[in-house]
Amino acid sequence: MRISRHKPEDCACIRPSEITAEATYLNRRDVLKAAVATGLITSASGSIQAANSQSLVTVKNPSFSVSDKPNAYDEITNYNNFYEFGTSKEDPAQHSGAFKPKPWSVKIGGECEVKGSFTLEDILKPHSLEERIYRFRCVEAWSMVIPWVGFPLKDLLGRFKPTSKAKYVAFKTIMRPSEMPGQRFHTLDWPYVEGLRMDEATHPLSLMAVGLYGKTLPNQNGAPLRLVVPWKYGFKNIKSIVEINFVEKQPPSSWNIANPDEYGFYSNVNPTVDHPRWSQARERRIGASAGLFNARQETLMFNGYEAQVASLYKDMDLRRNF
């Protein structure tokens, strides 16, 4: 597998030639399957990560769950983006074994009354964990359905008593090049940062996830703490969070820094606004029933959550504020 090597002065976005073609990926997956069948490979890194995941006590929340059939655990944990471990979809599972999600702490600051550094146990203690089955769409026009485990982001943010100056919430991923090999190269401006408007962050759909399929998050999926905002493209869902700040002005976000013409701050799933290099009108749901990808289907506005979130953007030009 190849990790992209960009010089700092280069454009930080990924070139079309660096995106794995679907046919190439399918062929690579067939080769790996054949290797396992013949004994050349005894286990995959994703399987090791799955074995290390611990069970969580959860309550299913039907109010926020879609009726779509969830993707298999193996699909979710072996085909995903986490550029801190490499740019190929298989890299996170293969290169995240050395990452240590424990112990963990999160720094809270900015325009709030309660500030400081809090352990993961501090963060989790007051919350009961919910399982919510969410649609999850990537900007490269593929999607999954994932049973995330977590708690409402608004419940966490409220504990720190944001002031009236807090208009946005800014998030930051951990910086550990020794454990995250992708950070050794200038693919993006590390560490990864993201942000939400306050009304987006406190919307009932926004989730602070700590697991999936009733187990703690594997390293490759953002252990131990990540954001899930299901009506936005996947890159907004920042992983391995170590810092949360309440800010007055719109915070930077990594892909918007890398290429603002292709990746807007809002990044809402919108079939009427194409990525400059491909259409967003249709998508392919990952699923074993058709090899890797199912047939293309229509992309839903706001990823199918239009009824719940459209009011957040009622006075905005969504083609301009993409």
Protein backbone atom coordinates (compact mmCIF):
# COMPACT_ATOMS: atom_id res chain seq x y z
CA MET A 1 0.00 0.00 0.00
CA ARG A 2 1.21 3.49 -0.82
CA ILE A 3 1.03 6.52 1.43
CA SER A 4 0.86 9.77 -0.49
CA ARG A 5 3.98 11.92 -0.12
CA HIS A 6 3.31 15.59 -0.74
CA LYS A 7 5.73 18.42 -0.27
CA PRO A 8 4.44 21.22 1.99
CA GLU A 9 4.30 23.63 -0.93
CA ASP A 10 2.20 21.26 -3.00
CA CYS A 11 -1.59 21.41 -3.06
CA ALA A 12 -2.63 19.26 -0.11
CA CYS A 13 -5.63 17.75 -1.86
CA ILE A 14 -5.50 14.27 -3.33
CA ARG A 15 -5.14 14.15 -7.11
CA PRO A 16 -7.62 12.09 -9.16
CA SER A 17 -4.80 9.67 -9.99
CA GLU A 18 -4.28 8.99 -6.28
CA ILE A 19 -7.83 7.82 -5.65
CA THR A 20 -8.07 4.04 -5.84
CA ALA A 21 -10.21 3.07 -8.82
CA GLU A 22 -13.11 0.77 -8.01
CA ALA A 23 -11.90 -1.92 -10.41
CA THR A 24 -8.42 -1.82 -8.89
CA TYR A 25 -9.83 -2.13 -5.40
CA LEU A 26 -12.05 -5.06 -6.34
CA ASN A 27 -9.10 -6.87 -7.92
CA ARG A 28 -6.95 -6.20 -4.84
CA ARG A 29 -9.69 -7.51 -2.57
CA ASP A 30 -9.97 -10.69 -4.67
CA VAL A 31 -6.21 -11.19 -4.38
CA LEU A 32 -6.38 -10.83 -0.59
CA LYS A 33 -9.27 -13.29 -0.37
CA ALA A 34 -7.30 -15.79 -2.43
CA ALA A 35 -4.27 -15.36 -0.19
CA VAL A 36 -6.32 -16.07 2.91
CA ALA A 37 -7.89 -19.12 1.28
CA THR A 38 -4.49 -20.58 0.39
CA GLY A 39 -2.96 -19.87 3.79
CA LEU A 40 -0.56 -17.17 2.58
CA ILE A 41 -2.23 -14.72 4.98
CA THR A 42 -3.50 -16.02 8.31
CA SER A 43 -5.22 -12.88 9.61
CA ALA A 44 -5.89 -9.27 8.69
CA SER A 45 -5.15 -6.27 10.87
CA GLY A 46 -8.88 -5.45 10.89
CA SER A 47 -9.62 -8.85 12.45
CA ILE A 48 -7.04 -8.19 15.17
CA GLN A 49 -8.62 -4.83 15.92
CA ALA A 50 -12.06 -6.42 16.10
CA ALA A 51 -10.81 -9.02 18.57
CA ASN A 52 -9.46 -6.26 20.82
CA SER A 53 -12.77 -4.37 20.91
CA GLN A 54 -14.73 -4.59 24.15
CA SER A 55 -18.48 -4.98 24.49
CA LEU A 56 -20.54 -1.97 25.55
CA VAL A 57 -23.82 -1.75 27.42
CA THR A 58 -26.15 0.03 25.02
CA VAL A 59 -29.79 0.92 24.49
CA LYS A 60 -31.12 0.96 20.92
CA ASN A 61 -32.68 4.28 19.97
CA PRO A 62 -35.31 3.71 17.24
CA SER A 63 -36.09 7.43 17.05
CA PHE A 64 -32.77 8.10 15.32
CA SER A 65 -32.29 4.79 13.50
CA VAL A 66 -32.95 4.23 9.81
CA SER A 67 -34.65 1.10 8.50
CA ASP A 68 -31.82 0.31 6.06
CA LYS A 69 -29.94 -2.91 6.66
CA PRO A 70 -26.60 -2.16 8.39
CA ASN A 71 -23.34 -3.04 6.74
CA ALA A 72 -21.39 -5.97 8.10
CA TYR A 73 -18.83 -5.27 10.81
CA ASP A 74 -16.05 -6.47 8.51
CA GLU A 75 -17.09 -4.02 5.79
CA ILE A 76 -17.22 -1.09 8.20
CA THR A 77 -13.83 -1.82 9.72
CA ASN A 78 -11.91 -2.70 6.57
CA TYR A 79 -13.03 -0.07 4.03
CA ASN A 80 -12.82 3.46 5.34
CA ASN A 81 -10.93 6.75 5.26
CA PHE A 82 -8.54 7.70 8.06
CA TYR A 83 -5.64 9.47 6.37
CA GLU A 84 -3.59 9.47 9.56
CA PHE A 85 -2.94 5.81 8.70
CA GLY A 86 -2.69 6.17 4.91
CA THR A 87 -4.72 7.20 1.88
CA SER A 88 -5.97 3.80 0.66
CA LYS A 89 -9.26 2.47 2.00
CA GLU A 90 -7.51 -0.60 3.43
CA ASP A 91 -4.70 1.37 5.13
CA PRO A 92 -6.51 2.24 8.39
CA ALA A 93 -7.15 -1.41 9.25
CA GLN A 94 -3.67 -2.48 8.18
CA HIS A 95 -1.64 0.34 9.74
CA SER A 96 -3.45 1.21 12.99
CA GLY A 97 -2.36 -1.72 15.14
CA ALA A 98 0.30 0.29 16.98
CA PHE A 99 -2.12 3.08 17.93
CA LYS A 100 -2.85 3.28 21.68
CA PRO A 101 -6.31 4.69 22.53
CA LYS A 102 -5.79 4.26 26.27
CA PRO A 103 -5.23 6.25 28.41
CA TRP A 104 -7.07 9.15 26.77
CA SER A 105 -7.96 12.70 27.70
CA VAL A 106 -9.80 15.56 26.00
CA LYS A 107 -8.95 19.22 26.51
CA ILE A 108 -11.95 21.58 26.71
CA GLY A 109 -11.50 25.32 26.27
CA GLY A 110 -12.56 28.55 24.64
CA GLU A 111 -15.81 30.41 25.29
CA CYS A 112 -17.14 28.27 28.13
CA GLU A 113 -17.30 28.41 31.92
CA VAL A 114 -15.94 24.93 32.61
CA LYS A 115 -12.50 24.27 31.15
CA GLY A 116 -9.71 21.78 31.60
CA SER A 117 -8.46 18.34 30.64
CA PHE A 118 -10.84 15.44 31.13
CA THR A 119 -10.15 11.71 30.92
CA LEU A 120 -12.24 9.50 28.70
CA GLU A 121 -13.80 8.08 31.85
CA ASP A 122 -14.79 11.63 32.91
CA ILE A 123 -16.39 12.20 29.51
CA LEU A 124 -18.32 8.91 29.55
CA LYS A 125 -19.40 8.76 33.19
CA PRO A 126 -22.68 10.71 33.05
CA HIS A 127 -23.89 9.25 29.77
CA SER A 128 -25.92 6.17 28.91
CA LEU A 129 -24.87 4.81 25.54
CA GLU A 130 -27.29 4.57 22.64
CA GLU A 131 -27.06 2.52 19.48
CA ARG A 132 -28.22 4.51 16.46
CA ILE A 133 -28.28 3.11 12.95
CA TYR A 134 -27.16 5.96 10.71
CA ARG A 135 -26.59 6.37 7.00
CA PHE A 136 -22.98 7.34 6.42
CA ARG A 137 -21.89 8.84 3.09
CA CYS A 138 -18.41 9.57 1.85
CA VAL A 139 -17.63 12.37 -0.58
CA GLU A 140 -16.26 9.81 -3.07
CA ALA A 141 -19.89 8.76 -3.75
CA TRP A 142 -19.98 5.56 -1.67
CA SER A 143 -22.04 4.97 1.43
CA MET A 144 -22.65 2.59 4.33
CA VAL A 145 -25.22 2.06 7.06
CA ILE A 146 -23.53 1.88 10.45
CA PRO A 147 -24.89 1.04 13.93
CA TRP A 148 -22.93 3.65 15.90
CA VAL A 149 -22.80 3.62 19.69
CA GLY A 150 -22.51 6.92 21.55
CA PHE A 151 -24.32 9.77 23.22
CA PRO A 152 -25.73 13.11 22.02
CA LEU A 153 -23.01 15.67 21.42
CA LYS A 154 -25.25 18.38 22.85
CA ASP A 155 -25.29 16.60 26.22
CA LEU A 156 -21.50 16.68 26.36
CA LEU A 157 -21.20 20.30 25.25
CA GLY A 158 -23.80 21.46 27.75
CA ARG A 159 -21.72 20.20 30.66
CA PHE A 160 -19.06 22.83 29.93
CA LYS A 161 -21.52 25.74 29.94
CA PRO A 162 -20.68 27.56 26.69
CA THR A 163 -21.11 31.34 26.86
CA SER A 164 -23.12 33.53 24.49
CA LYS A 165 -19.91 34.12 22.51
CA ALA A 166 -19.72 30.46 21.53
CA LYS A 167 -21.02 30.39 17.94
CA TYR A 168 -19.03 27.35 16.75
CA VAL A 169 -17.42 24.22 18.14
CA ALA A 170 -13.89 23.33 17.00
CA PHE A 171 -12.43 19.82 17.21
CA LYS A 172 -8.87 18.49 16.92
CA THR A 173 -7.48 15.00 16.33
CA ILE A 174 -4.46 13.65 18.21
CA MET A 175 -1.00 14.11 16.69
CA ARG A 176 1.08 10.93 17.03
CA PRO A 177 3.28 10.33 13.96
CA SER A 178 5.03 7.45 15.71
CA GLU A 179 1.71 5.56 15.84
CA MET A 180 -0.07 7.16 12.89
CA PRO A 181 2.21 6.70 9.85
CA GLY A 182 0.13 8.92 7.57
CA GLN A 183 1.05 11.94 9.70
CA ARG A 184 4.68 11.54 8.67
CA PHE A 185 3.80 12.90 5.24
CA HIS A 186 2.23 16.17 4.10
CA THR A 187 -0.99 14.71 2.75
CA LEU A 188 -2.87 17.22 4.92
CA ASP A 189 -1.89 19.95 7.36
CA TRP A 190 -1.76 17.88 10.58
CA PRO A 191 -3.27 17.59 13.09
CA TYR A 192 -6.71 17.11 11.57
CA VAL A 193 -9.20 19.80 12.60
CA GLU A 194 -12.93 20.24 12.06
CA GLY A 195 -15.77 22.43 13.19
CA LEU A 196 -19.53 22.79 13.43
CA ARG A 197 -21.86 25.70 13.90
CA MET A 198 -23.34 25.60 17.39
CA ASP A 199 -26.84 24.76 16.19
CA GLU A 200 -25.42 21.86 14.17
CA ALA A 201 -23.40 20.58 17.12
CA THR A 202 -26.40 20.69 19.45
CA HIS A 203 -28.83 19.11 17.00
CA PRO A 204 -30.24 15.83 18.40
CA LEU A 205 -28.79 13.84 15.47
CA SER A 206 -25.18 14.85 16.20
CA LEU A 207 -23.48 12.01 18.03
CA MET A 208 -20.27 11.59 19.99
CA ALA A 209 -19.47 8.00 19.10
CA VAL A 210 -17.44 5.58 21.21
CA GLY A 211 -18.33 2.32 19.47
CA LEU A 212 -20.10 0.45 16.71
CA TYR A 213 -22.04 -2.79 16.64
CA GLY A 214 -22.13 -2.79 20.46
CA LYS A 215 -18.33 -2.78 20.77
CA THR A 216 -15.75 -0.09 21.44
CA LEU A 217 -14.42 1.68 18.36
CA PRO A 218 -11.59 -0.11 16.57
CA ASN A 219 -8.52 2.03 15.99
CA GLN A 220 -9.25 2.32 12.27
CA ASN A 221 -12.70 3.79 12.94
CA GLY A 222 -11.57 6.60 15.23
CA ALA A 223 -10.92 5.10 18.66
CA PRO A 224 -11.71 6.00 21.29
CA LEU A 225 -13.87 9.05 20.55
CA ARG A 226 -15.18 10.44 17.28
CA LEU A 227 -17.87 12.67 15.84
CA VAL A 228 -20.80 11.43 13.74
CA VAL A 229 -22.93 14.04 11.96
CA PRO A 230 -25.00 11.87 9.61
CA TRP A 231 -26.29 14.53 7.20
CA LYS A 232 -22.75 15.60 6.27
CA TYR A 233 -20.03 13.94 4.20
CA GLY A 234 -17.79 11.57 6.10
CA PHE A 235 -14.72 13.80 6.33
CA LYS A 236 -16.62 16.14 8.69
CA ASN A 237 -16.81 13.26 11.18
CA ILE A 238 -13.48 13.85 12.90
CA LYS A 239 -11.85 10.89 14.65
CA SER A 240 -9.68 10.32 17.75
CA ILE A 241 -10.65 13.67 19.28
CA VAL A 242 -8.34 15.20 21.89
CA GLU A 243 -9.47 18.83 21.93
CA ILE A 244 -12.82 20.66 21.83
CA ASN A 245 -13.02 24.45 21.84
CA PHE A 246 -15.97 26.82 21.86
CA VAL A 247 -15.17 29.69 19.49
CA GLU A 248 -16.79 32.88 18.22
CA LYS A 249 -15.62 32.69 14.58
CA GLN A 250 -15.84 29.87 12.05
CA PRO A 251 -12.98 27.48 12.82
CA PRO A 252 -10.67 25.94 10.21
CA SER A 253 -11.37 22.47 8.84
CA SER A 254 -8.65 20.30 7.30
CA TRP A 255 -10.11 19.53 3.88
CA ASN A 256 -11.35 23.09 3.46
CA ILE A 257 -7.79 24.28 4.17
CA ALA A 258 -6.42 21.75 1.68
CA ASN A 259 -8.76 22.69 -1.17
CA PRO A 260 -11.57 25.18 -0.45
CA ASP A 261 -12.92 24.94 -4.01
CA GLU A 262 -13.71 21.24 -3.53
CA TYR A 263 -14.45 20.91 0.19
CA GLY A 264 -16.67 23.51 1.82
CA PHE A 265 -17.00 24.15 5.53
CA TYR A 266 -20.59 22.90 5.72
CA SER A 267 -20.15 19.77 3.57
CA ASN A 268 -23.82 18.81 3.70
CA VAL A 269 -24.78 15.85 1.52
CA ASN A 270 -26.39 17.53 -1.45
CA PRO A 271 -27.05 15.68 -4.73
CA THR A 272 -27.52 18.98 -6.59
CA VAL A 273 -23.99 20.20 -5.85
CA ASP A 274 -21.32 18.16 -7.59
CA HIS A 275 -17.78 17.72 -6.46
CA PRO A 276 -15.68 19.38 -9.20
CA ARG A 277 -14.32 15.96 -10.24
CA TRP A 278 -17.43 13.79 -9.99
CA SER A 279 -21.17 13.86 -9.58
CA GLN A 280 -22.78 13.57 -6.16
CA ALA A 281 -26.23 12.80 -7.59
CA ARG A 282 -25.85 9.04 -7.21
CA GLU A 283 -23.97 6.77 -4.84
CA ARG A 284 -23.02 3.15 -4.36
CA ARG A 285 -23.86 1.42 -1.11
CA ILE A 286 -21.08 -0.89 -0.01
CA GLY A 287 -22.41 -4.41 0.46
CA ALA A 288 -21.33 -8.01 0.12
CA SER A 289 -24.43 -8.92 -1.92
CA ALA A 290 -22.77 -7.49 -5.03
CA GLY A 291 -19.12 -8.15 -4.33
CA LEU A 292 -18.09 -4.83 -2.82
CA PHE A 293 -20.55 -2.32 -4.22
CA ASN A 294 -24.27 -2.55 -4.83
CA ALA A 295 -25.92 -0.87 -7.82
CA ARG A 296 -25.93 2.90 -7.90
CA GLN A 297 -28.84 4.64 -6.20
CA GLU A 298 -30.09 8.20 -5.90
CA THR A 299 -28.33 10.31 -3.31
CA LEU A 300 -30.78 11.67 -0.74
CA MET A 301 -30.75 15.33 0.23
CA PHE A 302 -28.97 15.73 3.57
CA ASN A 303 -28.28 11.98 3.32
CA GLY A 304 -31.94 11.27 4.01
CA TYR A 305 -32.23 13.53 7.06
CA GLU A 306 -33.83 16.46 5.26
CA ALA A 307 -36.94 16.53 7.45
CA GLN A 308 -34.82 16.84 10.57
CA VAL A 309 -32.11 19.31 9.51
CA ALA A 310 -33.28 21.40 6.52
CA SER A 311 -34.49 24.15 8.85
CA LEU A 312 -30.89 24.76 9.97
CA TYR A 313 -30.12 26.12 6.48
CA LYS A 314 -33.43 27.68 5.42
CA ASP A 315 -31.93 31.14 4.75
CA MET A 316 -28.72 29.90 3.10
CA ASP A 317 -27.73 29.42 -0.52
CA LEU A 318 -26.60 25.79 -0.37
CA ARG A 319 -24.77 25.99 -3.69
CA ARG A 320 -22.63 28.83 -2.35
CA ASN A 321 -22.40 27.48 1.19
CA PHE A 322 -21.48 23.94 0.23
